Amino acid sequence: MASVQANGITIEYEITGEGTPLLMIMGLGGQLIDWPEEFVDLFVEQGFQVIRFDNRDVGLSTEFDWEPPSRRRALLNYVMRRTPTAGYTIDDMADDAAGLIDALGLSAAHVIGASMGGMIAQSLTIRHPNKVVTLTSIMSHVGDMKKGKIAGKLVPKILKMGVPTREDAVDYFVASGRLIQGPHFDPEAARESAARSLERSWRPEGTGRQVAAIGASPDRTAALGNVKAPTLVIHGILDPLITFSGGEATAAAIPGSRLLAFPDMAHDLPRARWPEIVSAIVDNTHRAATV
């Protein structure tokens, strides 16, 4: 792993493999190590140089200090479609990704984003179109809070869980996984992943700031209508956190995009579906000229 200065902040990143650049953007509160190594290796085997990084306010990238809304307030803002006060937005996080591409001496990359990472990837494609060769948006939405809205039955369950502490964080994230992941959920794998992430970094307020950034960001629907990059949208029909309408809205907004829906996928990347997911992403990269 290494770090660079980009867009006025420090960005921690890791590069795996050699070949065509493929930038992977993680979701809310997720660190670069939350992309499973075995998943990354599938792309390396296909000839890609995989670039993963910590978004601002998580992992080892720059941590901010403005006070985020409480978890309860953030959820209520989201459900009620109220715009929170935030020190940065998804657009700023997209500019971080653009800055990383520049700092690494790359002209452009294929881009994959999951959940909040999909929102960042969309904004990156809108704001820096020459840096994005192809776009893959996974289990995400366009910022129209009527599309992809959290399932109503999930809200009280999340509120009931309270706020995690460092001491109970691993148990908390395993319990969260049970709520939002699908029938392929593996509690032991989730526990191992959570423990590894906790050992590397613990920044709960950073996650709160990212939540505020999502809520403070504008609807991208109209701007996505100008996207030229070949686009693949992947979404689980069972997703309760960003419901399937978010994926449908994303695909509808981007001309020529393709929607891949899985009936046994929720807010996760089930290992059983990795071969199909990777194949579809690789096929999408073939729709564009080589970087």
Protein backbone atom coordinates (compact mmCIF):
# COMPACT_ATOMS: atom_id res chain seq x y z
CA MET A 1 0.00 0.00 0.00
CA ALA A 2 1.03 3.59 -0.57
CA SER A 3 -0.38 7.10 -0.37
CA VAL A 4 -0.49 10.20 -2.56
CA GLN A 5 -1.59 13.79 -2.20
CA ALA A 6 -4.56 14.46 -4.46
CA ASN A 7 -7.37 17.03 -4.43
CA GLY A 8 -5.86 18.53 -1.28
CA ILE A 9 -6.01 15.34 0.80
CA THR A 10 -4.01 12.18 1.44
CA ILE A 11 -5.36 9.10 -0.34
CA GLU A 12 -4.23 5.60 0.65
CA TYR A 13 -4.28 3.15 -2.23
CA GLU A 14 -3.14 -0.28 -3.35
CA ILE A 15 -2.38 -1.57 -6.84
CA THR A 16 -2.65 -5.26 -7.71
CA GLY A 17 -1.52 -6.74 -11.02
CA GLU A 18 -0.39 -5.22 -14.27
CA GLY A 19 -2.26 -4.25 -17.39
CA THR A 20 -5.31 -2.11 -18.12
CA PRO A 21 -6.18 0.23 -15.19
CA LEU A 22 -9.36 -0.68 -13.30
CA LEU A 23 -10.36 1.65 -10.46
CA MET A 24 -12.59 0.12 -7.76
CA ILE A 25 -14.49 2.51 -5.45
CA MET A 26 -15.84 1.14 -2.17
CA GLY A 27 -19.10 2.11 -0.48
CA LEU A 28 -20.17 3.72 2.78
CA GLY A 29 -17.64 3.25 5.57
CA GLY A 30 -15.79 0.65 3.49
CA GLN A 31 -12.02 0.45 3.24
CA LEU A 32 -10.01 -0.66 0.24
CA ILE A 33 -9.46 -4.02 1.94
CA ASP A 34 -13.21 -4.60 1.94
CA TRP A 35 -12.96 -5.55 -1.72
CA PRO A 36 -12.26 -9.30 -1.32
CA GLU A 37 -8.78 -10.26 -2.51
CA GLU A 38 -10.18 -13.26 -4.40
CA PHE A 39 -12.62 -10.97 -6.23
CA VAL A 40 -9.79 -8.60 -7.15
CA ASP A 41 -7.67 -11.52 -8.37
CA LEU A 42 -10.38 -12.50 -10.87
CA PHE A 43 -9.82 -9.16 -12.62
CA VAL A 44 -6.05 -9.46 -12.42
CA GLU A 45 -6.34 -12.82 -14.17
CA GLN A 46 -8.21 -11.02 -16.96
CA GLY A 47 -5.30 -8.63 -17.52
CA PHE A 48 -6.31 -5.67 -15.36
CA GLN A 49 -4.26 -3.55 -13.01
CA VAL A 50 -6.65 -3.14 -10.10
CA ILE A 51 -6.49 0.10 -8.12
CA ARG A 52 -8.28 0.22 -4.78
CA PHE A 53 -8.26 3.15 -2.38
CA ASP A 54 -9.68 4.46 0.88
CA ASN A 55 -12.25 7.18 0.37
CA ARG A 56 -11.83 10.27 2.51
CA ASP A 57 -12.84 9.75 6.14
CA VAL A 58 -12.24 5.97 6.14
CA GLY A 59 -9.25 3.67 6.35
CA LEU A 60 -5.95 5.55 6.17
CA SER A 61 -6.97 8.46 3.93
CA THR A 62 -7.52 11.97 5.30
CA GLU A 63 -9.97 12.23 8.20
CA PHE A 64 -12.13 15.35 8.51
CA ASP A 65 -13.37 16.89 11.75
CA TRP A 66 -16.78 18.47 11.13
CA GLU A 67 -19.60 17.08 13.24
CA PRO A 68 -21.91 14.71 11.33
CA PRO A 69 -25.61 14.24 12.11
CA SER A 70 -26.43 11.47 14.58
CA ARG A 71 -27.26 8.06 13.12
CA ARG A 72 -30.94 8.53 14.01
CA ARG A 73 -31.03 12.01 12.47
CA ALA A 74 -29.24 10.80 9.35
CA LEU A 75 -31.75 7.99 8.84
CA LEU A 76 -34.69 10.33 9.40
CA ASN A 77 -33.19 12.85 6.95
CA TYR A 78 -32.87 10.09 4.38
CA VAL A 79 -36.38 8.73 4.87
CA MET A 80 -37.95 12.22 4.91
CA ARG A 81 -35.78 13.38 1.99
CA ARG A 82 -34.36 16.28 3.97
CA THR A 83 -31.04 17.75 2.88
CA PRO A 84 -28.50 17.65 5.72
CA THR A 85 -25.65 20.07 6.31
CA ALA A 86 -22.39 18.53 5.16
CA GLY A 87 -18.77 19.60 4.81
CA TYR A 88 -18.42 17.82 1.47
CA THR A 89 -20.51 15.96 -1.10
CA ILE A 90 -20.27 13.00 -3.43
CA ASP A 91 -18.87 15.38 -6.06
CA ASP A 92 -15.91 16.16 -3.81
CA MET A 93 -15.28 12.44 -3.35
CA ALA A 94 -15.42 12.00 -7.13
CA ASP A 95 -12.80 14.72 -7.47
CA ASP A 96 -10.64 12.71 -5.04
CA ALA A 97 -10.85 9.74 -7.39
CA ALA A 98 -9.97 11.96 -10.37
CA GLY A 99 -7.02 13.34 -8.43
CA LEU A 100 -5.81 9.81 -7.68
CA ILE A 101 -5.96 8.90 -11.38
CA ASP A 102 -3.82 11.97 -12.15
CA ALA A 103 -1.40 11.33 -9.27
CA LEU A 104 -0.79 7.80 -10.54
CA GLY A 105 0.12 9.18 -13.96
CA LEU A 106 -2.87 7.59 -15.69
CA SER A 107 -4.92 9.22 -18.41
CA ALA A 108 -8.07 7.20 -17.63
CA ALA A 109 -9.38 3.95 -16.17
CA HIS A 110 -12.29 1.58 -16.24
CA VAL A 111 -14.29 2.40 -13.10
CA ILE A 112 -16.34 0.18 -10.78
CA GLY A 113 -18.24 1.54 -7.80
CA ALA A 114 -20.36 -0.28 -5.24
CA SER A 115 -23.15 1.34 -3.19
CA MET A 116 -21.87 4.83 -2.26
CA GLY A 117 -18.92 3.95 -4.48
CA GLY A 118 -21.38 3.68 -7.36
CA MET A 119 -22.56 7.21 -6.62
CA ILE A 120 -18.95 8.43 -6.61
CA ALA A 121 -18.28 6.57 -9.87
CA GLN A 122 -21.33 8.17 -11.47
CA SER A 123 -20.21 11.63 -10.39
CA LEU A 124 -16.65 10.93 -11.58
CA THR A 125 -18.03 10.01 -15.00
CA ILE A 126 -20.14 13.18 -15.11
CA ARG A 127 -17.46 15.58 -13.88
CA HIS A 128 -14.39 13.98 -15.47
CA PRO A 129 -15.66 12.11 -18.53
CA ASN A 130 -12.22 11.83 -20.13
CA LYS A 131 -10.93 9.87 -17.13
CA VAL A 132 -13.61 7.14 -17.29
CA VAL A 133 -13.37 4.60 -20.09
CA THR A 134 -16.28 2.46 -18.89
CA LEU A 135 -18.53 2.65 -15.84
CA THR A 136 -19.97 -0.12 -13.69
CA SER A 137 -22.42 1.01 -10.99
CA ILE A 138 -23.29 -1.71 -8.47
CA MET A 139 -26.19 -1.62 -5.95
CA SER A 140 -26.38 2.17 -6.14
CA HIS A 141 -28.75 4.99 -7.10
CA VAL A 142 -28.78 8.34 -8.90
CA GLY A 143 -29.48 10.60 -5.93
CA ASP A 144 -33.23 10.77 -6.55
CA MET A 145 -34.34 9.71 -3.09
CA LYS A 146 -37.63 8.36 -4.44
CA LYS A 147 -35.66 5.71 -6.37
CA GLY A 148 -33.64 3.16 -4.48
CA LYS A 149 -35.07 4.34 -1.19
CA ILE A 150 -34.31 2.21 1.86
CA ALA A 151 -37.01 -0.39 2.56
CA GLY A 152 -39.37 0.92 5.23
CA LYS A 153 -39.18 -2.25 7.33
CA LEU A 154 -35.39 -1.92 7.55
CA VAL A 155 -35.37 1.53 9.20
CA PRO A 156 -36.67 0.51 12.66
CA LYS A 157 -34.36 -2.51 12.68
CA ILE A 158 -31.32 -0.32 12.07
CA LEU A 159 -32.42 2.21 14.68
CA LYS A 160 -32.95 -0.58 17.19
CA MET A 161 -29.34 -1.69 16.75
CA GLY A 162 -28.07 1.61 18.13
CA VAL A 163 -24.54 2.89 17.55
CA PRO A 164 -21.54 0.54 17.48
CA THR A 165 -18.58 0.94 19.80
CA ARG A 166 -15.08 -0.31 19.13
CA GLU A 167 -15.71 -3.14 21.58
CA ASP A 168 -18.85 -4.47 19.90
CA ALA A 169 -18.14 -3.32 16.33
CA VAL A 170 -17.47 -6.79 14.91
CA ASP A 171 -20.72 -8.21 16.31
CA TYR A 172 -22.55 -5.08 15.12
CA PHE A 173 -21.35 -5.41 11.54
CA VAL A 174 -22.15 -9.10 11.40
CA ALA A 175 -25.68 -8.29 12.62
CA SER A 176 -25.91 -5.51 10.01
CA GLY A 177 -24.89 -7.98 7.33
CA ARG A 178 -27.73 -10.28 8.31
CA LEU A 179 -30.16 -7.39 7.75
CA ILE A 180 -28.97 -6.16 4.36
CA GLN A 181 -27.29 -9.12 2.68
CA GLY A 182 -29.04 -11.90 0.82
CA PRO A 183 -29.38 -15.68 1.12
CA HIS A 184 -25.67 -16.20 0.44
CA PHE A 185 -24.66 -14.32 3.60
CA ASP A 186 -21.73 -16.02 5.35
CA PRO A 187 -21.53 -14.90 9.01
CA GLU A 188 -18.04 -16.32 9.57
CA ALA A 189 -16.64 -14.58 6.50
CA ALA A 190 -18.39 -11.37 7.59
CA ARG A 191 -16.85 -11.68 11.05
CA GLU A 192 -13.36 -12.16 9.64
CA SER A 193 -13.76 -9.21 7.29
CA ALA A 194 -15.09 -6.93 10.06
CA ALA A 195 -12.26 -7.89 12.41
CA ARG A 196 -9.65 -7.20 9.73
CA SER A 197 -11.19 -3.80 8.94
CA LEU A 198 -11.43 -2.86 12.62
CA GLU A 199 -7.80 -3.74 13.20
CA ARG A 200 -6.74 -1.46 10.35
CA SER A 201 -8.95 1.54 11.11
CA TRP A 202 -11.90 2.66 13.27
CA ARG A 203 -13.57 5.89 12.14
CA PRO A 204 -17.31 5.80 12.91
CA GLU A 205 -17.68 9.58 12.68
CA GLY A 206 -16.14 9.43 9.22
CA THR A 207 -18.90 7.08 8.16
CA GLY A 208 -21.41 9.58 9.55
CA ARG A 209 -19.85 12.33 7.47
CA GLN A 210 -20.10 10.15 4.37
CA VAL A 211 -23.80 9.57 5.10
CA ALA A 212 -24.28 13.35 5.29
CA ALA A 213 -22.39 13.75 2.01
CA ILE A 214 -24.78 11.35 0.27
CA GLY A 215 -27.81 13.24 1.58
CA ALA A 216 -26.37 16.64 0.65
CA SER A 217 -25.62 15.62 -2.95
CA PRO A 218 -27.89 16.58 -5.84
CA ASP A 219 -29.88 14.25 -8.08
CA ARG A 220 -27.59 13.08 -10.89
CA THR A 221 -30.35 11.87 -13.23
CA ALA A 222 -30.22 14.69 -15.77
CA ALA A 223 -26.42 14.84 -15.87
CA LEU A 224 -26.20 11.06 -16.37
CA GLY A 225 -28.13 11.53 -19.60
CA ASN A 226 -24.93 12.97 -21.09
CA VAL A 227 -22.71 10.02 -20.16
CA LYS A 228 -20.97 8.48 -23.18
CA ALA A 229 -18.94 5.79 -21.41
CA PRO A 230 -20.26 2.25 -21.90
CA THR A 231 -22.13 1.51 -18.69
CA LEU A 232 -23.15 -1.61 -16.80
CA VAL A 233 -25.57 -1.43 -13.87
CA ILE A 234 -25.67 -4.37 -11.44
CA HIS A 235 -28.28 -4.66 -8.71
CA GLY A 236 -29.79 -7.28 -6.45
CA ILE A 237 -33.56 -7.58 -6.59
CA LEU A 238 -33.58 -8.36 -2.84
CA ASP A 239 -31.62 -5.26 -1.82
CA PRO A 240 -33.35 -3.60 1.19
CA LEU A 241 -30.79 -0.81 1.72
CA ILE A 242 -30.80 0.61 -1.80
CA THR A 243 -33.84 -1.01 -3.30
CA PHE A 244 -33.90 -2.33 -6.86
CA SER A 245 -35.59 0.79 -8.22
CA GLY A 246 -32.24 2.55 -7.66
CA GLY A 247 -30.57 0.28 -10.17
CA GLU A 248 -33.47 0.62 -12.59
CA ALA A 249 -33.30 4.41 -12.35
CA THR A 250 -29.54 4.37 -12.96
CA ALA A 251 -29.89 2.22 -16.07
CA ALA A 252 -32.76 4.36 -17.34
CA ALA A 253 -30.77 7.56 -16.88
CA ILE A 254 -27.65 6.50 -18.83
CA PRO A 255 -28.10 6.06 -22.59
CA GLY A 256 -27.14 2.63 -23.86
CA SER A 257 -26.50 1.20 -20.40
CA ARG A 258 -27.11 -2.44 -19.54
CA LEU A 259 -28.88 -3.65 -16.39
CA LEU A 260 -27.88 -6.96 -14.81
CA ALA A 261 -30.22 -8.04 -12.02
CA PHE A 262 -29.76 -11.00 -9.70
CA PRO A 263 -32.76 -12.55 -7.92
CA ASP A 264 -30.61 -13.92 -5.06
CA MET A 265 -28.54 -10.78 -4.43
CA ALA A 266 -29.31 -8.09 -1.86
CA HIS A 267 -26.85 -5.41 -0.67
CA ASP A 268 -23.83 -7.61 -1.18
CA LEU A 269 -21.58 -9.26 -3.74
CA PRO A 270 -22.40 -12.94 -3.28
CA ARG A 271 -19.44 -15.19 -4.03
CA ALA A 272 -21.70 -17.55 -5.97
CA ARG A 273 -22.33 -14.73 -8.47
CA TRP A 274 -18.71 -13.55 -8.84
CA PRO A 275 -18.06 -15.38 -12.15
CA GLU A 276 -21.13 -13.79 -13.77
CA ILE A 277 -20.40 -10.36 -12.27
CA VAL A 278 -16.78 -10.36 -13.37
CA SER A 279 -17.66 -11.67 -16.85
CA ALA A 280 -20.27 -8.94 -17.30
CA ILE A 281 -17.86 -6.21 -16.17
CA VAL A 282 -15.11 -7.50 -18.46
CA ASP A 283 -17.59 -7.64 -21.35
CA ASN A 284 -18.52 -4.03 -20.63
CA THR A 285 -14.86 -2.98 -20.80
CA HIS A 286 -14.69 -4.53 -24.25
CA ARG A 287 -17.35 -2.08 -25.42
CA ALA A 288 -14.72 0.68 -25.32
CA ALA A 289 -11.30 1.25 -26.81
CA THR A 290 -8.31 0.04 -24.77
CA VAL A 291 -6.94 2.54 -22.24
